[in-house]
C-alpha atoms as a PDB file:
ATOM      1  CA  MET A   1      11.507  47.973   6.681  1.00  0.00           C
ATOM      2  CA  SER A   2      13.068  44.514   6.616  1.00  0.00           C
ATOM      3  CA  LYS A   3      11.140  41.418   5.562  1.00  0.00           C
ATOM      4  CA  ASN A   4      11.055  38.030   7.219  1.00  0.00           C
ATOM      5  CA  VAL A   5      10.671  35.617   4.295  1.00  0.00           C
ATOM      6  CA  GLY A   6       9.824  31.993   5.041  1.00  0.00           C
ATOM      7  CA  TYR A   7      10.819  28.905   3.102  1.00  0.00           C
ATOM      8  CA  ALA A   8       9.354  25.434   3.687  1.00  0.00           C
ATOM      9  CA  ARG A   9      10.262  22.235   1.851  1.00  0.00           C
ATOM     10  CA  VAL A  10       9.497  18.541   2.042  1.00  0.00           C
ATOM     11  CA  SER A  11      11.191  15.903  -0.077  1.00  0.00           C
ATOM     12  CA  THR A  12       8.279  13.795  -1.304  1.00  0.00           C
ATOM     13  CA  LYS A  13       4.714  14.323  -2.449  1.00  0.00           C
ATOM     14  CA  LYS A  14       3.524  12.079   0.403  1.00  0.00           C
ATOM     15  CA  GLN A  15       4.823  14.582   2.973  1.00  0.00           C
ATOM     16  CA  THR A  16       3.190  17.879   3.892  1.00  0.00           C
ATOM     17  CA  THR A  17       4.582  21.352   4.571  1.00  0.00           C
ATOM     18  CA  GLU A  18       1.714  22.261   6.942  1.00  0.00           C
ATOM     19  CA  GLN A  19       3.756  21.982  10.154  1.00  0.00           C
ATOM     20  CA  GLN A  20       6.585  24.050   8.705  1.00  0.00           C
ATOM     21  CA  ILE A  21       4.252  26.728   7.348  1.00  0.00           C
ATOM     22  CA  ALA A  22       2.430  27.007  10.696  1.00  0.00           C
ATOM     23  CA  ALA A  23       5.757  27.542  12.507  1.00  0.00           C
ATOM     24  CA  LEU A  24       6.890  30.085   9.903  1.00  0.00           C
ATOM     25  CA  GLU A  25       3.610  31.991  10.171  1.00  0.00           C
ATOM     26  CA  LYS A  26       3.891  31.985  13.973  1.00  0.00           C
ATOM     27  CA  SER A  27       7.375  33.519  13.682  1.00  0.00           C
ATOM     28  CA  GLY A  28       5.997  36.365  11.532  1.00  0.00           C
ATOM     29  CA  CYS A  29       7.131  35.277   8.079  1.00  0.00           C
ATOM     30  CA  ALA A  30       5.480  36.862   5.068  1.00  0.00           C
ATOM     31  CA  PRO A  31       5.644  35.854   2.319  1.00  0.00           C
ATOM     32  CA  ILE A  32       6.192  32.114   2.720  1.00  0.00           C
ATOM     33  CA  PHE A  33       7.409  29.950  -0.155  1.00  0.00           C
ATOM     34  CA  ALA A  34       6.800  26.190   0.018  1.00  0.00           C
ATOM     35  CA  GLU A  35       7.552  23.240  -2.227  1.00  0.00           C
ATOM     36  CA  LYS A  36       7.650  19.466  -2.414  1.00  0.00           C
ATOM     37  CA  MET A  37      11.003  18.640  -3.934  1.00  0.00           C
ATOM     38  CA  SER A  38      14.189  16.823  -3.008  1.00  0.00           C
ATOM     39  CA  GLY A  39      16.870  18.949  -1.372  1.00  0.00           C
ATOM     40  CA  LYS A  40      19.398  17.298  -3.684  1.00  0.00           C
ATOM     41  CA  ARG A  41      17.974  19.209  -6.633  1.00  0.00           C
ATOM     42  CA  ASN A  42      19.462  22.568  -7.520  1.00  0.00           C
ATOM     43  CA  ASP A  43      16.408  23.685  -9.505  1.00  0.00           C
ATOM     44  CA  ARG A  44      13.991  24.413  -6.673  1.00  0.00           C
ATOM     45  CA  PRO A  45      11.703  27.139  -8.044  1.00  0.00           C
ATOM     46  CA  GLU A  46      10.162  28.222  -4.729  1.00  0.00           C
ATOM     47  CA  LEU A  47      13.585  28.620  -3.119  1.00  0.00           C
ATOM     48  CA  THR A  48      14.663  30.650  -6.149  1.00  0.00           C
ATOM     49  CA  LYS A  49      11.597  32.898  -5.683  1.00  0.00           C
ATOM     50  CA  ALA A  50      12.288  33.263  -1.956  1.00  0.00           C
ATOM     51  CA  LEU A  51      15.924  34.223  -2.588  1.00  0.00           C
ATOM     52  CA  ALA A  52      14.864  36.746  -5.256  1.00  0.00           C
ATOM     53  CA  GLU A  53      12.427  38.325  -2.765  1.00  0.00           C
ATOM     54  CA  LEU A  54      15.212  39.093  -0.283  1.00  0.00           C
ATOM     55  CA  GLU A  55      17.153  42.350   0.000  1.00  0.00           C
ATOM     56  CA  ALA A  56      19.918  43.541   2.313  1.00  0.00           C
ATOM     57  CA  GLY A  57      18.665  43.634   5.911  1.00  0.00           C
ATOM     58  CA  ASP A  58      16.019  40.944   5.316  1.00  0.00           C
ATOM     59  CA  VAL A  59      15.789  37.548   7.022  1.00  0.00           C
ATOM     60  CA  LEU A  60      15.238  34.152   5.425  1.00  0.00           C
ATOM     61  CA  THR A  61      13.605  31.862   7.977  1.00  0.00           C
ATOM     62  CA  VAL A  62      13.481  28.088   7.600  1.00  0.00           C
ATOM     63  CA  TRP A  63      11.958  25.454   9.858  1.00  0.00           C
ATOM     64  CA  LYS A  64      15.222  23.480   9.907  1.00  0.00           C
ATOM     65  CA  ILE A  65      18.548  24.365   8.342  1.00  0.00           C
ATOM     66  CA  ASP A  66      18.521  21.209   6.189  1.00  0.00           C
ATOM     67  CA  ARG A  67      15.534  22.629   4.271  1.00  0.00           C
ATOM     68  CA  LEU A  68      18.096  24.673   2.295  1.00  0.00           C
ATOM     69  CA  GLY A  69      19.679  21.535   0.804  1.00  0.00           C
ATOM     70  CA  ARG A  70      20.881  18.019   1.438  1.00  0.00           C
ATOM     71  CA  ASP A  71      24.616  18.448   1.317  1.00  0.00           C
ATOM     72  CA  ALA A  72      26.748  20.720   3.424  1.00  0.00           C
ATOM     73  CA  LEU A  73      28.332  22.468   0.468  1.00  0.00           C
ATOM     74  CA  GLN A  74      24.948  23.411  -0.995  1.00  0.00           C
ATOM     75  CA  MET A  75      23.599  24.704   2.344  1.00  0.00           C
ATOM     76  CA  LEU A  76      26.743  26.599   3.253  1.00  0.00           C
ATOM     77  CA  SER A  77      26.995  28.089  -0.237  1.00  0.00           C
ATOM     78  CA  THR A  78      23.431  29.421   0.007  1.00  0.00           C
ATOM     79  CA  ILE A  79      24.041  30.823   3.491  1.00  0.00           C
ATOM     80  CA  LYS A  80      27.335  32.430   2.403  1.00  0.00           C
ATOM     81  CA  GLU A  81      25.704  33.999  -0.665  1.00  0.00           C
ATOM     82  CA  LEU A  82      22.948  35.431   1.519  1.00  0.00           C
ATOM     83  CA  LYS A  83      25.428  36.749   4.074  1.00  0.00           C
ATOM     84  CA  GLU A  84      27.333  38.527   1.291  1.00  0.00           C
ATOM     85  CA  ARG A  85      24.025  40.150   0.257  1.00  0.00           C
ATOM     86  CA  GLY A  86      23.434  41.297   3.854  1.00  0.00           C
ATOM     87  CA  ILE A  87      20.700  38.742   4.535  1.00  0.00           C
ATOM     88  CA  VAL A  88      20.436  36.699   7.747  1.00  0.00           C
ATOM     89  CA  VAL A  89      19.319  33.046   7.778  1.00  0.00           C
ATOM     90  CA  ARG A  90      17.347  31.829  10.779  1.00  0.00           C
ATOM     91  CA  SER A  91      16.394  28.267  11.634  1.00  0.00           C
ATOM     92  CA  LEU A  92      13.423  27.856  13.952  1.00  0.00           C
ATOM     93  CA  THR A  93      13.997  24.274  15.104  1.00  0.00           C
ATOM     94  CA  GLU A  94      17.674  24.690  15.913  1.00  0.00           C
ATOM     95  CA  GLY A  95      17.287  28.306  17.093  1.00  0.00           C
ATOM     96  CA  LEU A  96      20.124  29.443  14.836  1.00  0.00           C
ATOM     97  CA  ASP A  97      20.882  32.852  13.397  1.00  0.00           C
ATOM     98  CA  SER A  98      23.581  33.294  10.749  1.00  0.00           C
ATOM     99  CA  GLY A  99      23.970  36.893  11.865  1.00  0.00           C
ATOM    100  CA  THR A 100      26.044  35.749  14.856  1.00  0.00           C
ATOM    101  CA  ASP A 101      29.464  34.114  14.920  1.00  0.00           C
ATOM    102  CA  THR A 102      28.150  31.247  17.048  1.00  0.00           C
ATOM    103  CA  GLY A 103      25.192  30.790  14.695  1.00  0.00           C
ATOM    104  CA  GLN A 104      27.512  30.590  11.692  1.00  0.00           C
ATOM    105  CA  MET A 105      29.694  27.983  13.377  1.00  0.00           C
ATOM    106  CA  VAL A 106      26.757  25.819  14.483  1.00  0.00           C
ATOM    107  CA  ILE A 107      25.103  26.092  11.053  1.00  0.00           C
ATOM    108  CA  GLY A 108      28.321  24.795   9.498  1.00  0.00           C
ATOM    109  CA  ILE A 109      28.466  21.877  11.899  1.00  0.00           C
ATOM    110  CA  LEU A 110      24.770  21.007  11.451  1.00  0.00           C
ATOM    111  CA  SER A 111      25.146  21.125   7.670  1.00  0.00           C
ATOM    112  CA  LEU A 112      27.925  18.543   7.883  1.00  0.00           C
ATOM    113  CA  VAL A 113      25.874  16.404  10.276  1.00  0.00           C
ATOM    114  CA  ALA A 114      22.869  16.506   7.894  1.00  0.00           C
ATOM    115  CA  GLU A 115      25.098  15.399   5.008  1.00  0.00           C
ATOM    116  CA  TYR A 116      26.542  12.609   7.167  1.00  0.00           C
ATOM    117  CA  GLU A 117      23.029  11.404   8.071  1.00  0.00           C
ATOM    118  CA  VAL A 118      22.069  11.252   4.395  1.00  0.00           C
ATOM    119  CA  SER A 119      25.156   9.175   3.581  1.00  0.00           C
ATOM    120  CA  LEU A 120      24.443   6.826   6.506  1.00  0.00           C
ATOM    121  CA  LYS A 121      20.867   6.377   5.307  1.00  0.00           C
ATOM    122  CA  ALA A 122      22.131   5.528   1.812  1.00  0.00           C
ATOM    123  CA  GLU A 123      24.632   3.015   3.257  1.00  0.00           C
ATOM    124  CA  ARG A 124      21.923   1.340   5.348  1.00  0.00           C
ATOM    125  CA  ALA A 125      19.573   1.143   2.369  1.00  0.00           C
ATOM    126  CA  GLU A 126      22.258  -0.442   0.190  1.00  0.00           C
ATOM    127  CA  ALA A 127      23.131  -2.939   2.945  1.00  0.00           C
ATOM    128  CA  LYS A 128      19.467  -3.902   3.183  1.00  0.00           C
ATOM    129  CA  ARG A 129      19.203  -4.327  -0.603  1.00  0.00           C
ATOM    130  CA  ALA A 130      22.351  -6.506  -0.583  1.00  0.00           C
ATOM    131  CA  LEU A 131      20.862  -8.687   2.162  1.00  0.00           C
ATOM    132  CA  ILE A 132      17.592  -9.050   0.230  1.00  0.00           C
ATOM    133  CA  ARG A 133      19.535 -10.003  -2.920  1.00  0.00           C
ATOM    134  CA  LYS A 134      21.642 -12.511  -0.946  1.00  0.00           C
ATOM    135  CA  ARG A 135      18.500 -14.157   0.409  1.00  0.00           C
ATOM    136  CA  GLY A 136      17.047 -14.330  -3.107  1.00  0.00           C
ATOM    137  CA  GLY A 137      14.383 -11.737  -2.409  1.00  0.00           C
ATOM    138  CA  ASN A 138      12.724  -9.351  -4.804  1.00  0.00           C
ATOM    139  CA  LEU A 139      13.780  -5.683  -4.792  1.00  0.00           C
ATOM    140  CA  GLY A 140      10.607  -4.569  -6.466  1.00  0.00           C
ATOM    141  CA  GLY A 141       9.076  -4.672  -9.838  1.00  0.00           C
ATOM    142  CA  ALA A 142       6.754  -7.360 -11.063  1.00  0.00           C
ATOM    143  CA  PRO A 143       7.216 -10.821  -9.590  1.00  0.00           C
ATOM    144  CA  LYS A 144       8.662 -13.455 -11.902  1.00  0.00           C
ATOM    145  CA  LYS A 145       5.993 -15.244 -13.940  1.00  0.00           C
ATOM    146  CA  PHE A 146       7.872 -18.546 -14.167  1.00  0.00           C
ATOM    147  CA  ASP A 147      10.254 -20.467 -11.962  1.00  0.00           C
ATOM    148  CA  ALA A 148      13.460 -22.048 -13.287  1.00  0.00           C
ATOM    149  CA  GLU A 149      11.746 -25.344 -14.161  1.00  0.00           C
ATOM    150  CA  GLN A 150       8.989 -23.635 -16.153  1.00  0.00           C
ATOM    151  CA  THR A 151      11.542 -21.437 -17.935  1.00  0.00           C
ATOM    152  CA  ALA A 152      13.564 -24.524 -18.926  1.00  0.00           C
ATOM    153  CA  ALA A 153      10.389 -26.188 -20.301  1.00  0.00           C
ATOM    154  CA  ILE A 154       9.563 -23.107 -22.379  1.00  0.00           C
ATOM    155  CA  ARG A 155      13.125 -23.013 -23.726  1.00  0.00           C
ATOM    156  CA  ARG A 156      12.915 -26.707 -24.661  1.00  0.00           C
ATOM    157  CA  ALA A 157       9.563 -26.149 -26.410  1.00  0.00           C
ATOM    158  CA  HIS A 158      11.059 -23.267 -28.390  1.00  0.00           C
ATOM    159  CA  ALA A 159      14.088 -25.382 -29.325  1.00  0.00           C
ATOM    160  CA  SER A 160      11.652 -28.074 -30.530  1.00  0.00           C
ATOM    161  CA  GLY A 161      10.051 -25.626 -32.958  1.00  0.00           C
ATOM    162  CA  GLU A 162       7.329 -23.834 -30.974  1.00  0.00           C
ATOM    163  CA  THR A 163       6.998 -20.191 -32.039  1.00  0.00           C
ATOM    164  CA  VAL A 164       7.436 -17.317 -29.628  1.00  0.00           C
ATOM    165  CA  ALA A 165       3.900 -16.126 -30.428  1.00  0.00           C
ATOM    166  CA  GLY A 166       2.500 -19.604 -29.761  1.00  0.00           C
ATOM    167  CA  LEU A 167       4.355 -19.918 -26.454  1.00  0.00           C
ATOM    168  CA  ALA A 168       3.196 -16.468 -25.382  1.00  0.00           C
ATOM    169  CA  ARG A 169      -0.419 -17.315 -26.193  1.00  0.00           C
ATOM    170  CA  VAL A 170      -0.334 -20.684 -24.382  1.00  0.00           C
ATOM    171  CA  HIS A 171       1.276 -19.239 -21.229  1.00  0.00           C
ATOM    172  CA  GLY A 172      -0.726 -15.997 -21.188  1.00  0.00           C
ATOM    173  CA  VAL A 173       2.249 -13.641 -21.408  1.00  0.00           C
ATOM    174  CA  SER A 174       3.588 -11.204 -23.970  1.00  0.00           C
ATOM    175  CA  ARG A 175       6.061 -12.122 -26.686  1.00  0.00           C
ATOM    176  CA  PRO A 176       8.719  -9.855 -25.083  1.00  0.00           C
ATOM    177  CA  THR A 177       8.383 -11.929 -21.891  1.00  0.00           C
ATOM    178  CA  ILE A 178       9.139 -15.091 -23.874  1.00  0.00           C
ATOM    179  CA  TYR A 179      12.038 -13.368 -25.657  1.00  0.00           C
ATOM    180  CA  ARG A 180      13.526 -12.364 -22.273  1.00  0.00           C
ATOM    181  CA  MET A 181      13.271 -15.979 -21.138  1.00  0.00           C
ATOM    182  CA  LEU A 182      15.069 -17.108 -24.276  1.00  0.00           C
ATOM    183  CA  GLU A 183      17.886 -14.536 -24.001  1.00  0.00           C
ATOM    184  CA  GLY A 184      21.248 -16.188 -24.123  1.00  0.00           C
ATOM    185  CA  GLN A 185      19.785 -19.306 -25.758  1.00  0.00           C
ATOM    186  CA  LYS A 186      21.023 -20.239 -29.232  1.00  0.00           C
END
């Protein structure tokens, strides 16, 4: 008797697989493998377990086809490998079935669209970071302790003979912070 194995994945620890698992259970999947891990990674242990569970005639069901990976090559490679083993891939959200010619074609197209969306997201994020940099904004990390005027005063004090330890103590920062401020100064 063939099995209907489910696989659920979210990309970050802040997300939950509950919605995916509920849909997989409703479609009769057992067992269901779930993980919180980026689709870009090739070392997804729960997917590996799900694939090992499958035999010819079985079905691998996913909530969305992009749960198998983040780039088209990775998704299509997994689907092709499963097809060669006699295993069908089904996607609940898109209503796709790799056991049909139409399903295979649409899966290929959706894989490319998912990859395109990821690249667009990366482009938008980089454009936003460039705009923040251009406006002099902070991209994260700790805010600067000193403005340019304060940094110049600390450099002058060091040039006049103040020690790094003394400057750090007076300004309430670590010695490495003072050293970073003095970088490039002779």
